[in-house]
Amino acid sequence: MAAAAKTKALSIIEENPVAVFSKSYCPYCKAAKALLTQLGARFFSIELDQVDDGAAIQDALEEITHQRSVPNIFIAQKHIGGNSDLQAKKKDLPKLLKEAGAL
């Protein structure tokens, strides 16, 4: 399962200009998705608490990024971090999102 989860996580990151690994009840995840929505970004979000392999994907993300918490955000296949990291980049986000093809 671990290898499949890692493959799934990596393909989500690779196939989407913006990927948000999230949990539906997480206020930080909601804040990150709200900011991306406000900016008009097209992003893919997967709710790890609502998919069967969510725990395994979260384990795989920890292995990939050394970050266990959600949201775990990628723009143009580059690991951004969590909500506070995203919010800290707020003024640079339009440029990053445009370069990623997400605007």
N, C-alpha and C. Protein backbone atom coordinates (compact mmCIF):
# COMPACT_ATOMS: atom_id res chain seq x y z
N MET A 1 0.82 -1.20 0.00
CA MET A 1 0.00 0.00 0.00
C MET A 1 0.86 1.26 0.00
N ALA A 2 1.96 1.23 0.72
CA ALA A 2 2.81 2.42 0.84
C ALA A 2 3.34 2.87 -0.52
N ALA A 3 3.79 1.94 -1.32
CA ALA A 3 4.32 2.30 -2.64
C ALA A 3 3.22 2.86 -3.52
N ALA A 4 2.03 2.26 -3.45
CA ALA A 4 0.89 2.75 -4.26
C ALA A 4 0.50 4.15 -3.82
N ALA A 5 0.50 4.41 -2.53
CA ALA A 5 0.13 5.73 -2.01
C ALA A 5 1.15 6.77 -2.44
N LYS A 6 2.42 6.41 -2.42
CA LYS A 6 3.47 7.35 -2.83
C LYS A 6 3.33 7.65 -4.32
N THR A 7 3.08 6.62 -5.12
CA THR A 7 2.88 6.80 -6.55
C THR A 7 1.68 7.70 -6.82
N LYS A 8 0.59 7.49 -6.07
CA LYS A 8 -0.61 8.30 -6.24
C LYS A 8 -0.32 9.76 -5.87
N ALA A 9 0.35 9.99 -4.75
CA ALA A 9 0.68 11.35 -4.31
C ALA A 9 1.54 12.04 -5.36
N LEU A 10 2.57 11.35 -5.83
CA LEU A 10 3.47 11.94 -6.83
C LEU A 10 2.75 12.23 -8.14
N SER A 11 1.82 11.37 -8.55
CA SER A 11 1.10 11.63 -9.80
C SER A 11 0.14 12.81 -9.63
N ILE A 12 -0.47 12.97 -8.46
CA ILE A 12 -1.33 14.14 -8.21
C ILE A 12 -0.49 15.42 -8.31
N ILE A 13 0.69 15.40 -7.69
CA ILE A 13 1.58 16.56 -7.71
C ILE A 13 2.01 16.88 -9.15
N GLU A 14 2.34 15.83 -9.90
CA GLU A 14 2.85 16.01 -11.26
C GLU A 14 1.77 16.47 -12.24
N GLU A 15 0.55 15.99 -12.06
CA GLU A 15 -0.52 16.23 -13.03
C GLU A 15 -1.29 17.52 -12.81
N ASN A 16 -1.06 18.20 -11.69
CA ASN A 16 -1.84 19.40 -11.37
C ASN A 16 -0.93 20.59 -11.11
N PRO A 17 -1.26 21.75 -11.71
CA PRO A 17 -0.43 22.94 -11.47
C PRO A 17 -0.39 23.31 -9.98
N VAL A 18 -1.52 23.09 -9.30
CA VAL A 18 -1.59 23.31 -7.86
C VAL A 18 -2.27 22.10 -7.24
N ALA A 19 -1.61 21.49 -6.27
CA ALA A 19 -2.17 20.34 -5.55
C ALA A 19 -2.22 20.66 -4.07
N VAL A 20 -3.39 20.43 -3.48
CA VAL A 20 -3.57 20.67 -2.05
C VAL A 20 -4.01 19.36 -1.40
N PHE A 21 -3.17 18.82 -0.55
CA PHE A 21 -3.52 17.64 0.23
C PHE A 21 -4.12 18.17 1.52
N SER A 22 -5.38 17.82 1.77
CA SER A 22 -6.19 18.51 2.76
C SER A 22 -6.98 17.52 3.60
N LYS A 23 -7.62 18.03 4.63
CA LYS A 23 -8.64 17.27 5.37
C LYS A 23 -9.86 18.18 5.48
N SER A 24 -11.03 17.60 5.28
CA SER A 24 -12.25 18.39 5.13
C SER A 24 -12.57 19.24 6.36
N TYR A 25 -12.16 18.81 7.54
CA TYR A 25 -12.50 19.52 8.78
C TYR A 25 -11.42 20.50 9.24
N CYS A 26 -10.31 20.57 8.54
CA CYS A 26 -9.14 21.35 8.98
C CYS A 26 -9.31 22.83 8.65
N PRO A 27 -9.30 23.71 9.67
CA PRO A 27 -9.45 25.14 9.39
C PRO A 27 -8.30 25.74 8.59
N TYR A 28 -7.10 25.20 8.75
CA TYR A 28 -5.95 25.70 7.98
C TYR A 28 -6.08 25.31 6.51
N CYS A 29 -6.60 24.11 6.27
CA CYS A 29 -6.85 23.66 4.90
C CYS A 29 -7.89 24.56 4.24
N LYS A 30 -8.96 24.85 5.00
CA LYS A 30 -10.03 25.70 4.47
C LYS A 30 -9.48 27.09 4.14
N ALA A 31 -8.62 27.63 4.99
CA ALA A 31 -8.04 28.95 4.76
C ALA A 31 -7.16 28.95 3.50
N ALA A 32 -6.38 27.89 3.33
CA ALA A 32 -5.51 27.80 2.15
C ALA A 32 -6.34 27.70 0.87
N LYS A 33 -7.37 26.86 0.88
CA LYS A 33 -8.22 26.71 -0.30
C LYS A 33 -9.00 27.99 -0.57
N ALA A 34 -9.41 28.70 0.49
CA ALA A 34 -10.12 29.96 0.32
C ALA A 34 -9.23 31.00 -0.36
N LEU A 35 -7.97 31.06 0.05
CA LEU A 35 -7.03 32.01 -0.57
C LEU A 35 -6.83 31.68 -2.05
N LEU A 36 -6.62 30.41 -2.35
CA LEU A 36 -6.43 30.01 -3.75
C LEU A 36 -7.68 30.33 -4.57
N THR A 37 -8.85 30.08 -4.01
CA THR A 37 -10.11 30.37 -4.69
C THR A 37 -10.26 31.87 -4.91
N GLN A 38 -9.95 32.65 -3.89
CA GLN A 38 -10.03 34.12 -3.96
C GLN A 38 -9.15 34.66 -5.08
N LEU A 39 -8.00 34.03 -5.28
CA LEU A 39 -7.07 34.46 -6.33
C LEU A 39 -7.47 33.94 -7.71
N GLY A 40 -8.49 33.09 -7.74
CA GLY A 40 -8.94 32.54 -9.02
C GLY A 40 -8.12 31.38 -9.52
N ALA A 41 -7.38 30.76 -8.63
CA ALA A 41 -6.50 29.64 -9.04
C ALA A 41 -7.31 28.37 -9.30
N ARG A 42 -6.89 27.65 -10.32
CA ARG A 42 -7.41 26.30 -10.54
C ARG A 42 -6.50 25.37 -9.76
N PHE A 43 -7.09 24.61 -8.85
CA PHE A 43 -6.27 23.70 -8.05
C PHE A 43 -7.00 22.39 -7.83
N PHE A 44 -6.22 21.36 -7.59
CA PHE A 44 -6.76 20.05 -7.27
C PHE A 44 -6.59 19.86 -5.77
N SER A 45 -7.68 19.48 -5.13
CA SER A 45 -7.64 19.24 -3.69
C SER A 45 -8.12 17.82 -3.43
N ILE A 46 -7.37 17.11 -2.60
CA ILE A 46 -7.80 15.78 -2.18
C ILE A 46 -7.97 15.80 -0.66
N GLU A 47 -9.14 15.37 -0.21
CA GLU A 47 -9.46 15.35 1.22
C GLU A 47 -9.02 13.99 1.77
N LEU A 48 -7.91 13.99 2.48
CA LEU A 48 -7.30 12.74 2.94
C LEU A 48 -8.18 11.99 3.95
N ASP A 49 -9.10 12.70 4.60
CA ASP A 49 -10.00 12.03 5.55
C ASP A 49 -11.21 11.43 4.84
N GLN A 50 -11.31 11.61 3.53
CA GLN A 50 -12.48 11.11 2.80
C GLN A 50 -12.12 10.08 1.73
N VAL A 51 -10.85 9.69 1.66
CA VAL A 51 -10.44 8.65 0.72
C VAL A 51 -9.86 7.48 1.51
N ASP A 52 -10.07 6.27 0.99
CA ASP A 52 -9.64 5.07 1.71
C ASP A 52 -8.15 5.04 2.01
N ASP A 53 -7.35 5.55 1.09
CA ASP A 53 -5.90 5.50 1.26
C ASP A 53 -5.32 6.81 1.80
N GLY A 54 -6.16 7.64 2.40
CA GLY A 54 -5.73 8.95 2.89
C GLY A 54 -4.58 8.89 3.89
N ALA A 55 -4.65 7.97 4.84
CA ALA A 55 -3.59 7.85 5.85
C ALA A 55 -2.28 7.44 5.19
N ALA A 56 -2.36 6.53 4.22
CA ALA A 56 -1.15 6.09 3.52
C ALA A 56 -0.58 7.22 2.66
N ILE A 57 -1.45 8.02 2.05
CA ILE A 57 -0.97 9.17 1.27
C ILE A 57 -0.29 10.17 2.19
N GLN A 58 -0.88 10.39 3.37
CA GLN A 58 -0.27 11.32 4.32
C GLN A 58 1.11 10.82 4.76
N ASP A 59 1.23 9.53 4.98
CA ASP A 59 2.53 8.94 5.31
C ASP A 59 3.53 9.15 4.17
N ALA A 60 3.06 8.94 2.93
CA ALA A 60 3.92 9.11 1.76
C ALA A 60 4.37 10.57 1.64
N LEU A 61 3.44 11.50 1.89
CA LEU A 61 3.80 12.93 1.82
C LEU A 61 4.84 13.29 2.86
N GLU A 62 4.74 12.68 4.04
CA GLU A 62 5.74 12.94 5.07
C GLU A 62 7.11 12.47 4.59
N GLU A 63 7.13 11.33 3.93
CA GLU A 63 8.38 10.79 3.40
C GLU A 63 8.94 11.73 2.31
N ILE A 64 8.07 12.26 1.46
CA ILE A 64 8.48 13.11 0.35
C ILE A 64 8.91 14.50 0.83
N THR A 65 8.13 15.09 1.76
CA THR A 65 8.31 16.50 2.11
C THR A 65 8.84 16.73 3.52
N HIS A 66 8.86 15.69 4.34
CA HIS A 66 9.21 15.81 5.76
C HIS A 66 8.20 16.67 6.51
N GLN A 67 6.98 16.76 5.95
CA GLN A 67 5.89 17.50 6.58
C GLN A 67 4.72 16.54 6.73
N ARG A 68 4.26 16.35 7.96
CA ARG A 68 3.15 15.45 8.20
C ARG A 68 1.81 16.18 8.19
N SER A 69 1.83 17.46 8.53
CA SER A 69 0.59 18.20 8.71
C SER A 69 -0.07 18.55 7.36
N VAL A 70 -1.36 18.87 7.45
CA VAL A 70 -2.11 19.36 6.30
C VAL A 70 -2.54 20.79 6.59
N PRO A 71 -2.72 21.60 5.58
CA PRO A 71 -2.57 21.26 4.17
C PRO A 71 -1.10 21.11 3.78
N ASN A 72 -0.91 20.31 2.79
CA ASN A 72 0.41 20.11 2.20
C ASN A 72 0.26 20.55 0.75
N ILE A 73 0.89 21.67 0.40
CA ILE A 73 0.58 22.36 -0.84
C ILE A 73 1.78 22.34 -1.80
N PHE A 74 1.45 22.11 -3.07
CA PHE A 74 2.46 22.13 -4.14
C PHE A 74 1.98 23.06 -5.24
N ILE A 75 2.87 23.90 -5.74
CA ILE A 75 2.60 24.74 -6.91
C ILE A 75 3.70 24.46 -7.92
N ALA A 76 3.28 24.09 -9.13
CA ALA A 76 4.22 23.73 -10.21
C ALA A 76 5.20 22.66 -9.73
N GLN A 77 4.66 21.64 -9.08
CA GLN A 77 5.42 20.49 -8.57
C GLN A 77 6.43 20.87 -7.49
N LYS A 78 6.39 22.10 -7.00
CA LYS A 78 7.31 22.55 -5.95
C LYS A 78 6.55 22.59 -4.62
N HIS A 79 7.15 22.00 -3.61
CA HIS A 79 6.52 21.98 -2.30
C HIS A 79 6.53 23.38 -1.69
N ILE A 80 5.34 23.89 -1.39
CA ILE A 80 5.20 25.22 -0.80
C ILE A 80 5.20 25.11 0.72
N GLY A 81 4.56 24.07 1.24
CA GLY A 81 4.43 23.89 2.69
C GLY A 81 2.97 23.85 3.07
N GLY A 82 2.66 24.48 4.19
CA GLY A 82 1.30 24.49 4.70
C GLY A 82 0.63 25.84 4.50
N ASN A 83 -0.47 26.04 5.23
CA ASN A 83 -1.23 27.28 5.09
C ASN A 83 -0.41 28.51 5.44
N SER A 84 0.33 28.47 6.53
CA SER A 84 1.10 29.66 6.92
C SER A 84 2.15 30.00 5.86
N ASP A 85 2.74 28.96 5.24
CA ASP A 85 3.71 29.19 4.16
C ASP A 85 3.02 29.82 2.94
N LEU A 86 1.82 29.33 2.63
CA LEU A 86 1.07 29.87 1.51
C LEU A 86 0.69 31.33 1.77
N GLN A 87 0.18 31.60 2.98
CA GLN A 87 -0.24 32.96 3.33
C GLN A 87 0.96 33.92 3.29
N ALA A 88 2.13 33.43 3.69
CA ALA A 88 3.34 34.26 3.69
C ALA A 88 3.76 34.65 2.27
N LYS A 89 3.35 33.84 1.29
CA LYS A 89 3.70 34.10 -0.11
C LYS A 89 2.58 34.87 -0.83
N LYS A 90 1.63 35.38 -0.09
CA LYS A 90 0.41 35.97 -0.68
C LYS A 90 0.70 36.95 -1.81
N LYS A 91 1.66 37.86 -1.61
CA LYS A 91 1.91 38.87 -2.65
C LYS A 91 2.59 38.26 -3.89
N ASP A 92 3.29 37.16 -3.73
CA ASP A 92 3.95 36.50 -4.86
C ASP A 92 3.08 35.45 -5.53
N LEU A 93 1.96 35.10 -4.89
CA LEU A 93 1.14 34.01 -5.41
C LEU A 93 0.60 34.24 -6.83
N PRO A 94 0.08 35.43 -7.15
CA PRO A 94 -0.42 35.59 -8.52
C PRO A 94 0.64 35.24 -9.58
N LYS A 95 1.86 35.69 -9.36
CA LYS A 95 2.95 35.39 -10.31
C LYS A 95 3.25 33.89 -10.33
N LEU A 96 3.35 33.28 -9.15
CA LEU A 96 3.62 31.83 -9.06
C LEU A 96 2.52 31.03 -9.74
N LEU A 97 1.27 31.41 -9.48
CA LEU A 97 0.14 30.69 -10.05
C LEU A 97 0.08 30.83 -11.56
N LYS A 98 0.39 32.03 -12.03
CA LYS A 98 0.38 32.28 -13.48
C LYS A 98 1.47 31.45 -14.15
N GLU A 99 2.66 31.45 -13.56
CA GLU A 99 3.77 30.66 -14.11
C GLU A 99 3.45 29.17 -14.11
N ALA A 100 2.65 28.73 -13.12
CA ALA A 100 2.29 27.32 -13.02
C ALA A 100 1.16 26.96 -13.98
N GLY A 101 0.55 27.98 -14.59
CA GLY A 101 -0.58 27.73 -15.49
C GLY A 101 -1.88 27.51 -14.73
N ALA A 102 -1.95 28.01 -13.50
CA ALA A 102 -3.13 27.80 -12.67
C ALA A 102 -4.08 29.00 -12.66
N LEU A 103 -3.72 30.04 -13.40
CA LEU A 103 -4.61 31.22 -13.48
C LEU A 103 -5.12 31.39 -14.90
